[in-house]
Amino acid sequence: MKKYFISIVISFLLLSGCSNAADTHQNRTNVTQYLLQKMLDDSDLNKYFHVNVFPERAPLIVVTNSFIDEKIVLRKFDQPVVYMEKKRADDVGAVYLEISSLETSNDKTVIKFRYRAEGIKGFVVFEEDNNDWILIDQEIIEM
């Protein structure tokens, strides 16, 4: 009986640890999704999409990589963002946004991006403040 009780306790602790790890991953995904959406909604970046002149740029295509995948739900131009592998996007000549890096440390997150259709690259910096993320710096460079 004692062994059975200990087995139950150990199983509970292991499952709790897995649940906490899953919760942490889900929280990280939620924050990433929130920050990427804030970046896509930024008026300075929106100046470069020109979807009114080039309607074929909608829906927005974002290339996937090790930190950007289809589980992140984003919207642009009143449509869901479409995800595509970079090689495939290049092969079909797609116009896409590439998130080249996403780095988080303590209470700051830096997102770097490229949008080759308009010859730009840049970054945004968000800082966590009272459980919200504030855009504190950004730069868009025409290449």
N, C-alpha and C. Protein backbone atom coordinates (compact mmCIF):
# COMPACT_ATOMS: atom_id res chain seq x y z
N MET A 1 0.83 -1.19 0.00
CA MET A 1 0.00 0.00 0.00
C MET A 1 0.87 1.25 0.00
N LYS A 2 1.96 1.21 0.80
CA LYS A 2 2.85 2.37 0.88
C LYS A 2 3.54 2.61 -0.46
N LYS A 3 3.97 1.53 -1.12
CA LYS A 3 4.60 1.66 -2.44
C LYS A 3 3.63 2.25 -3.44
N TYR A 4 2.37 1.82 -3.37
CA TYR A 4 1.35 2.33 -4.27
C TYR A 4 1.16 3.83 -4.07
N PHE A 5 1.10 4.26 -2.82
CA PHE A 5 0.94 5.69 -2.50
C PHE A 5 2.13 6.50 -3.02
N ILE A 6 3.34 5.98 -2.81
CA ILE A 6 4.54 6.68 -3.28
C ILE A 6 4.53 6.77 -4.80
N SER A 7 4.11 5.72 -5.48
CA SER A 7 4.03 5.74 -6.95
C SER A 7 3.05 6.81 -7.42
N ILE A 8 1.94 6.93 -6.72
CA ILE A 8 0.95 7.95 -7.09
C ILE A 8 1.53 9.34 -6.90
N VAL A 9 2.21 9.56 -5.78
CA VAL A 9 2.80 10.87 -5.50
C VAL A 9 3.86 11.22 -6.54
N ILE A 10 4.72 10.26 -6.87
CA ILE A 10 5.76 10.50 -7.88
C ILE A 10 5.12 10.79 -9.24
N SER A 11 4.11 10.04 -9.62
CA SER A 11 3.42 10.27 -10.89
C SER A 11 2.81 11.66 -10.92
N PHE A 12 2.18 12.07 -9.81
CA PHE A 12 1.58 13.40 -9.73
C PHE A 12 2.65 14.48 -9.90
N LEU A 13 3.78 14.32 -9.23
CA LEU A 13 4.85 15.32 -9.32
C LEU A 13 5.41 15.40 -10.74
N LEU A 14 5.59 14.25 -11.38
CA LEU A 14 6.09 14.25 -12.74
C LEU A 14 5.10 14.91 -13.69
N LEU A 15 3.83 14.58 -13.55
CA LEU A 15 2.83 15.19 -14.41
C LEU A 15 2.71 16.68 -14.15
N SER A 16 2.84 17.10 -12.91
CA SER A 16 2.79 18.54 -12.59
C SER A 16 3.95 19.25 -13.24
N GLY A 17 5.12 18.65 -13.21
CA GLY A 17 6.28 19.25 -13.86
C GLY A 17 6.08 19.38 -15.36
N CYS A 18 5.51 18.35 -15.98
CA CYS A 18 5.23 18.41 -17.42
C CYS A 18 4.20 19.48 -17.72
N SER A 19 3.19 19.57 -16.86
CA SER A 19 2.17 20.59 -17.05
C SER A 19 2.75 21.98 -16.93
N ASN A 20 3.63 22.19 -15.95
CA ASN A 20 4.26 23.49 -15.79
C ASN A 20 5.13 23.83 -16.99
N ALA A 21 5.84 22.85 -17.52
CA ALA A 21 6.66 23.08 -18.71
C ALA A 21 5.77 23.43 -19.90
N ALA A 22 4.66 22.73 -20.03
CA ALA A 22 3.73 23.02 -21.13
C ALA A 22 3.13 24.41 -20.95
N ASP A 23 2.78 24.76 -19.71
CA ASP A 23 2.23 26.10 -19.44
C ASP A 23 3.25 27.18 -19.78
N THR A 24 4.52 26.95 -19.43
CA THR A 24 5.57 27.92 -19.74
C THR A 24 5.72 28.08 -21.24
N HIS A 25 5.72 26.96 -21.97
CA HIS A 25 5.82 27.02 -23.44
C HIS A 25 4.62 27.77 -24.02
N GLN A 26 3.42 27.47 -23.51
CA GLN A 26 2.21 28.13 -24.01
C GLN A 26 2.27 29.62 -23.71
N ASN A 27 2.73 29.99 -22.52
CA ASN A 27 2.84 31.40 -22.16
C ASN A 27 3.83 32.12 -23.09
N ARG A 28 4.97 31.47 -23.36
CA ARG A 28 5.96 32.04 -24.27
C ARG A 28 5.36 32.23 -25.66
N THR A 29 4.60 31.25 -26.14
CA THR A 29 3.94 31.35 -27.43
C THR A 29 2.95 32.50 -27.44
N ASN A 30 2.17 32.65 -26.36
CA ASN A 30 1.20 33.73 -26.27
C ASN A 30 1.87 35.10 -26.30
N VAL A 31 2.98 35.25 -25.57
CA VAL A 31 3.70 36.52 -25.56
C VAL A 31 4.27 36.80 -26.95
N THR A 32 4.86 35.81 -27.57
CA THR A 32 5.42 35.96 -28.92
C THR A 32 4.31 36.38 -29.89
N GLN A 33 3.19 35.71 -29.83
CA GLN A 33 2.06 36.04 -30.70
C GLN A 33 1.60 37.48 -30.45
N TYR A 34 1.48 37.87 -29.21
CA TYR A 34 1.03 39.22 -28.85
C TYR A 34 2.01 40.28 -29.40
N LEU A 35 3.30 40.05 -29.20
CA LEU A 35 4.30 41.02 -29.65
C LEU A 35 4.38 41.10 -31.18
N LEU A 36 4.31 39.96 -31.84
CA LEU A 36 4.33 39.97 -33.30
C LEU A 36 3.10 40.69 -33.86
N GLN A 37 1.95 40.48 -33.24
CA GLN A 37 0.75 41.18 -33.70
C GLN A 37 0.89 42.68 -33.49
N LYS A 38 1.45 43.09 -32.34
CA LYS A 38 1.68 44.52 -32.11
C LYS A 38 2.63 45.09 -33.16
N MET A 39 3.65 44.32 -33.52
CA MET A 39 4.58 44.77 -34.55
C MET A 39 3.85 44.93 -35.90
N LEU A 40 3.05 43.93 -36.27
CA LEU A 40 2.32 44.00 -37.54
C LEU A 40 1.33 45.16 -37.58
N ASP A 41 0.81 45.54 -36.43
CA ASP A 41 -0.17 46.63 -36.36
C ASP A 41 0.49 48.01 -36.29
N ASP A 42 1.81 48.06 -36.16
CA ASP A 42 2.50 49.33 -36.01
C ASP A 42 2.37 50.18 -37.28
N SER A 43 2.01 51.43 -37.10
CA SER A 43 1.76 52.32 -38.25
C SER A 43 3.03 52.59 -39.06
N ASP A 44 4.19 52.62 -38.42
CA ASP A 44 5.43 52.87 -39.18
C ASP A 44 5.74 51.72 -40.14
N LEU A 45 5.53 50.50 -39.70
CA LEU A 45 5.76 49.35 -40.58
C LEU A 45 4.68 49.26 -41.66
N ASN A 46 3.47 49.63 -41.32
CA ASN A 46 2.35 49.54 -42.27
C ASN A 46 2.56 50.39 -43.52
N LYS A 47 3.37 51.41 -43.42
CA LYS A 47 3.64 52.28 -44.57
C LYS A 47 4.28 51.52 -45.73
N TYR A 48 4.89 50.37 -45.42
CA TYR A 48 5.66 49.64 -46.43
C TYR A 48 4.93 48.47 -47.08
N PHE A 49 3.77 48.11 -46.59
CA PHE A 49 3.08 46.95 -47.16
C PHE A 49 2.40 47.26 -48.49
N HIS A 50 1.85 48.45 -48.66
CA HIS A 50 1.24 48.90 -49.91
C HIS A 50 0.24 47.92 -50.50
N VAL A 51 -0.56 47.31 -49.64
CA VAL A 51 -1.53 46.33 -50.13
C VAL A 51 -2.62 47.00 -50.97
N ASN A 52 -2.82 48.29 -50.80
CA ASN A 52 -3.81 48.99 -51.64
C ASN A 52 -3.31 49.13 -53.08
N VAL A 53 -1.99 49.21 -53.27
CA VAL A 53 -1.40 49.29 -54.61
C VAL A 53 -1.13 47.90 -55.17
N PHE A 54 -0.73 46.99 -54.30
CA PHE A 54 -0.41 45.61 -54.69
C PHE A 54 -1.32 44.64 -53.92
N PRO A 55 -2.57 44.48 -54.36
CA PRO A 55 -3.50 43.62 -53.62
C PRO A 55 -3.05 42.16 -53.52
N GLU A 56 -2.15 41.74 -54.39
CA GLU A 56 -1.65 40.36 -54.33
C GLU A 56 -0.78 40.12 -53.10
N ARG A 57 -0.43 41.17 -52.36
CA ARG A 57 0.36 41.03 -51.13
C ARG A 57 -0.50 40.61 -49.95
N ALA A 58 -1.79 40.47 -50.17
CA ALA A 58 -2.68 39.96 -49.14
C ALA A 58 -3.15 38.58 -49.57
N PRO A 59 -3.16 37.63 -48.68
CA PRO A 59 -2.76 37.74 -47.27
C PRO A 59 -1.25 37.85 -47.12
N LEU A 60 -0.85 38.40 -45.98
CA LEU A 60 0.57 38.53 -45.68
C LEU A 60 1.17 37.15 -45.47
N ILE A 61 2.31 36.91 -46.10
CA ILE A 61 3.03 35.65 -45.92
C ILE A 61 4.20 35.91 -44.98
N VAL A 62 4.32 35.08 -43.97
CA VAL A 62 5.44 35.13 -43.03
C VAL A 62 6.17 33.80 -43.15
N VAL A 63 7.50 33.87 -43.33
CA VAL A 63 8.25 32.62 -43.45
C VAL A 63 8.51 32.02 -42.08
N THR A 64 8.47 30.70 -42.04
CA THR A 64 8.69 29.98 -40.79
C THR A 64 10.17 29.78 -40.55
N ASN A 65 10.52 29.61 -39.30
CA ASN A 65 11.89 29.28 -38.89
C ASN A 65 11.82 28.64 -37.51
N SER A 66 12.92 28.60 -36.80
CA SER A 66 12.94 27.88 -35.52
C SER A 66 12.08 28.52 -34.44
N PHE A 67 11.72 29.79 -34.59
CA PHE A 67 10.91 30.44 -33.55
C PHE A 67 9.59 31.00 -34.09
N ILE A 68 9.35 30.85 -35.37
CA ILE A 68 8.09 31.27 -35.98
C ILE A 68 7.47 30.05 -36.65
N ASP A 69 6.28 29.67 -36.19
CA ASP A 69 5.60 28.53 -36.81
C ASP A 69 4.10 28.80 -36.90
N GLU A 70 3.40 27.85 -37.49
CA GLU A 70 1.97 28.00 -37.76
C GLU A 70 1.11 28.07 -36.52
N LYS A 71 1.66 27.73 -35.36
CA LYS A 71 0.87 27.77 -34.12
C LYS A 71 0.61 29.21 -33.67
N ILE A 72 1.40 30.13 -34.18
CA ILE A 72 1.23 31.54 -33.84
C ILE A 72 0.15 32.11 -34.75
N VAL A 73 -0.93 32.56 -34.15
CA VAL A 73 -2.07 33.05 -34.91
C VAL A 73 -1.97 34.57 -35.04
N LEU A 74 -1.77 35.03 -36.26
CA LEU A 74 -1.64 36.46 -36.54
C LEU A 74 -2.61 36.86 -37.64
N ARG A 75 -2.94 38.16 -37.66
CA ARG A 75 -3.82 38.69 -38.69
C ARG A 75 -3.21 39.96 -39.28
N LYS A 76 -3.41 40.12 -40.59
CA LYS A 76 -3.00 41.34 -41.27
C LYS A 76 -3.93 41.53 -42.46
N PHE A 77 -4.30 42.75 -42.74
CA PHE A 77 -5.22 43.08 -43.83
C PHE A 77 -6.57 42.36 -43.66
N ASP A 78 -7.02 42.25 -42.41
CA ASP A 78 -8.29 41.58 -42.06
C ASP A 78 -8.33 40.11 -42.49
N GLN A 79 -7.16 39.49 -42.57
CA GLN A 79 -7.07 38.08 -42.96
C GLN A 79 -6.04 37.39 -42.07
N PRO A 80 -6.15 36.08 -41.91
CA PRO A 80 -5.11 35.36 -41.20
C PRO A 80 -3.79 35.40 -41.98
N VAL A 81 -2.69 35.51 -41.28
CA VAL A 81 -1.37 35.44 -41.90
C VAL A 81 -1.16 34.02 -42.40
N VAL A 82 -0.50 33.90 -43.55
CA VAL A 82 -0.18 32.60 -44.13
C VAL A 82 1.29 32.33 -43.86
N TYR A 83 1.61 31.11 -43.42
CA TYR A 83 2.99 30.73 -43.14
C TYR A 83 3.52 29.84 -44.25
N MET A 84 4.81 30.03 -44.55
CA MET A 84 5.43 29.27 -45.62
C MET A 84 6.92 29.10 -45.29
N GLU A 85 7.47 27.96 -45.66
CA GLU A 85 8.91 27.77 -45.51
C GLU A 85 9.62 28.72 -46.46
N LYS A 86 10.76 29.24 -46.05
CA LYS A 86 11.50 30.24 -46.82
C LYS A 86 11.87 29.71 -48.21
N LYS A 87 12.35 28.49 -48.28
CA LYS A 87 12.74 27.93 -49.57
C LYS A 87 11.56 27.88 -50.52
N ARG A 88 10.42 27.46 -50.03
CA ARG A 88 9.22 27.39 -50.87
C ARG A 88 8.80 28.79 -51.30
N ALA A 89 8.83 29.74 -50.36
CA ALA A 89 8.45 31.13 -50.69
C ALA A 89 9.36 31.68 -51.78
N ASP A 90 10.66 31.41 -51.66
CA ASP A 90 11.60 31.86 -52.69
C ASP A 90 11.34 31.16 -54.02
N ASP A 91 11.08 29.85 -53.96
CA ASP A 91 10.85 29.07 -55.18
C ASP A 91 9.64 29.56 -55.96
N VAL A 92 8.59 29.97 -55.25
CA VAL A 92 7.37 30.41 -55.93
C VAL A 92 7.33 31.93 -56.14
N GLY A 93 8.38 32.61 -55.71
CA GLY A 93 8.45 34.06 -55.90
C GLY A 93 7.49 34.84 -55.03
N ALA A 94 7.18 34.31 -53.86
CA ALA A 94 6.23 34.96 -52.95
C ALA A 94 6.84 36.22 -52.33
N VAL A 95 5.99 37.18 -52.05
CA VAL A 95 6.38 38.36 -51.29
C VAL A 95 6.10 38.02 -49.83
N TYR A 96 7.13 38.11 -48.99
CA TYR A 96 6.96 37.66 -47.61
C TYR A 96 7.70 38.56 -46.62
N LEU A 97 7.25 38.46 -45.39
CA LEU A 97 7.91 39.10 -44.25
C LEU A 97 8.72 38.02 -43.55
N GLU A 98 9.97 38.34 -43.27
CA GLU A 98 10.83 37.39 -42.57
C GLU A 98 11.18 37.96 -41.20
N ILE A 99 10.88 37.19 -40.17
CA ILE A 99 11.30 37.55 -38.82
C ILE A 99 12.67 36.91 -38.66
N SER A 100 13.72 37.73 -38.69
CA SER A 100 15.07 37.18 -38.72
C SER A 100 15.61 36.84 -37.33
N SER A 101 15.10 37.47 -36.30
CA SER A 101 15.46 37.07 -34.94
C SER A 101 14.43 37.58 -33.96
N LEU A 102 14.33 36.86 -32.86
CA LEU A 102 13.42 37.21 -31.78
C LEU A 102 14.15 36.85 -30.49
N GLU A 103 14.59 37.87 -29.78
CA GLU A 103 15.40 37.65 -28.58
C GLU A 103 14.73 38.28 -27.37
N THR A 104 14.58 37.48 -26.32
CA THR A 104 13.98 37.97 -25.09
C THR A 104 14.99 37.83 -23.97
N SER A 105 15.13 38.90 -23.20
CA SER A 105 15.96 38.86 -22.00
C SER A 105 15.30 39.71 -20.92
N ASN A 106 15.11 39.10 -19.78
CA ASN A 106 14.44 39.76 -18.66
C ASN A 106 13.11 40.36 -19.10
N ASP A 107 13.03 41.67 -19.16
CA ASP A 107 11.76 42.32 -19.46
C ASP A 107 11.75 43.00 -20.83
N LYS A 108 12.66 42.61 -21.73
CA LYS A 108 12.72 43.20 -23.07
C LYS A 108 12.72 42.11 -24.13
N THR A 109 12.10 42.45 -25.25
CA THR A 109 12.11 41.56 -26.41
C THR A 109 12.45 42.39 -27.64
N VAL A 110 13.40 41.89 -28.42
CA VAL A 110 13.81 42.54 -29.66
C VAL A 110 13.43 41.62 -30.82
N ILE A 111 12.69 42.18 -31.77
CA ILE A 111 12.28 41.44 -32.96
C ILE A 111 12.91 42.12 -34.17
N LYS A 112 13.69 41.37 -34.94
CA LYS A 112 14.28 41.90 -36.17
C LYS A 112 13.54 41.29 -37.36
N PHE A 113 13.38 42.08 -38.41
CA PHE A 113 12.59 41.63 -39.56
C PHE A 113 13.16 42.17 -40.85
N ARG A 114 12.72 41.54 -41.97
CA ARG A 114 13.04 41.98 -43.33
C ARG A 114 11.80 41.86 -44.18
N TYR A 115 11.65 42.84 -45.04
CA TYR A 115 10.57 42.80 -46.04
C TYR A 115 11.19 43.22 -47.35
N ARG A 116 11.73 42.24 -48.06
CA ARG A 116 12.53 42.50 -49.26
C ARG A 116 11.73 43.12 -50.40
N ALA A 117 10.43 42.90 -50.42
CA ALA A 117 9.62 43.48 -51.50
C ALA A 117 9.73 45.00 -51.51
N GLU A 118 9.94 45.59 -50.35
CA GLU A 118 10.10 47.04 -50.25
C GLU A 118 11.53 47.43 -49.89
N GLY A 119 12.42 46.44 -49.82
CA GLY A 119 13.82 46.71 -49.54
C GLY A 119 14.07 47.28 -48.16
N ILE A 120 13.36 46.76 -47.17
CA ILE A 120 13.55 47.26 -45.81
C ILE A 120 13.94 46.14 -44.86
N LYS A 121 14.59 46.56 -43.79
CA LYS A 121 14.84 45.69 -42.65
C LYS A 121 14.74 46.59 -41.42
N GLY A 122 14.58 45.97 -40.28
CA GLY A 122 14.47 46.79 -39.09
C GLY A 122 14.30 45.95 -37.84
N PHE A 123 13.98 46.66 -36.78
CA PHE A 123 13.75 46.00 -35.51
C PHE A 123 12.75 46.80 -34.70
N VAL A 124 12.13 46.10 -33.76
CA VAL A 124 11.28 46.72 -32.75
C VAL A 124 11.74 46.19 -31.40
N VAL A 125 11.64 47.02 -30.39
CA VAL A 125 12.00 46.63 -29.02
C VAL A 125 10.78 46.87 -28.14
N PHE A 126 10.36 45.82 -27.46
CA PHE A 126 9.25 45.91 -26.51
C PHE A 126 9.80 45.72 -25.11
N GLU A 127 9.21 46.44 -24.16
CA GLU A 127 9.59 46.31 -22.76
C GLU A 127 8.34 45.98 -21.96
N GLU A 128 8.46 45.02 -21.06
CA GLU A 128 7.33 44.65 -20.21
C GLU A 128 7.20 45.68 -19.09
N ASP A 129 5.97 46.17 -18.92
CA ASP A 129 5.70 47.17 -17.89
C ASP A 129 4.31 46.90 -17.32
N ASN A 130 4.27 46.52 -16.06
CA ASN A 130 2.98 46.24 -15.40
C ASN A 130 2.13 45.25 -16.18
N ASN A 131 2.71 44.13 -16.54
CA ASN A 131 2.03 43.05 -17.27
C ASN A 131 1.54 43.44 -18.66
N ASP A 132 2.14 44.45 -19.24
CA ASP A 132 1.87 44.79 -20.64
C ASP A 132 3.20 45.02 -21.32
N TRP A 133 3.20 44.98 -22.62
CA TRP A 133 4.42 45.17 -23.39
C TRP A 133 4.29 46.47 -24.17
N ILE A 134 5.25 47.36 -23.99
CA ILE A 134 5.24 48.68 -24.60
C ILE A 134 6.34 48.75 -25.66
N LEU A 135 6.01 49.29 -26.82
CA LEU A 135 7.01 49.51 -27.87
C LEU A 135 7.86 50.69 -27.44
N ILE A 136 9.16 50.44 -27.18
CA ILE A 136 10.03 51.51 -26.68
C ILE A 136 11.05 51.98 -27.72
N ASP A 137 11.26 51.19 -28.77
CA ASP A 137 12.23 51.60 -29.78
C ASP A 137 11.94 50.83 -31.06
N GLN A 138 12.27 51.45 -32.17
CA GLN A 138 12.13 50.76 -33.46
C GLN A 138 12.97 51.50 -34.49
N GLU A 139 13.31 50.74 -35.52
CA GLU A 139 14.06 51.34 -36.63
C GLU A 139 13.72 50.57 -37.88
N ILE A 140 13.46 51.30 -38.94
CA ILE A 140 13.24 50.71 -40.25
C ILE A 140 14.24 51.35 -41.19
N ILE A 141 15.02 50.49 -41.83
CA ILE A 141 16.10 50.95 -42.70
C ILE A 141 15.79 50.50 -44.12
N GLU A 142 15.86 51.42 -45.06
CA GLU A 142 15.74 51.05 -46.47
C GLU A 142 17.09 50.58 -46.96
N MET A 143 17.15 49.35 -47.47
CA MET A 143 18.42 48.75 -47.89
C MET A 143 18.80 49.18 -49.28
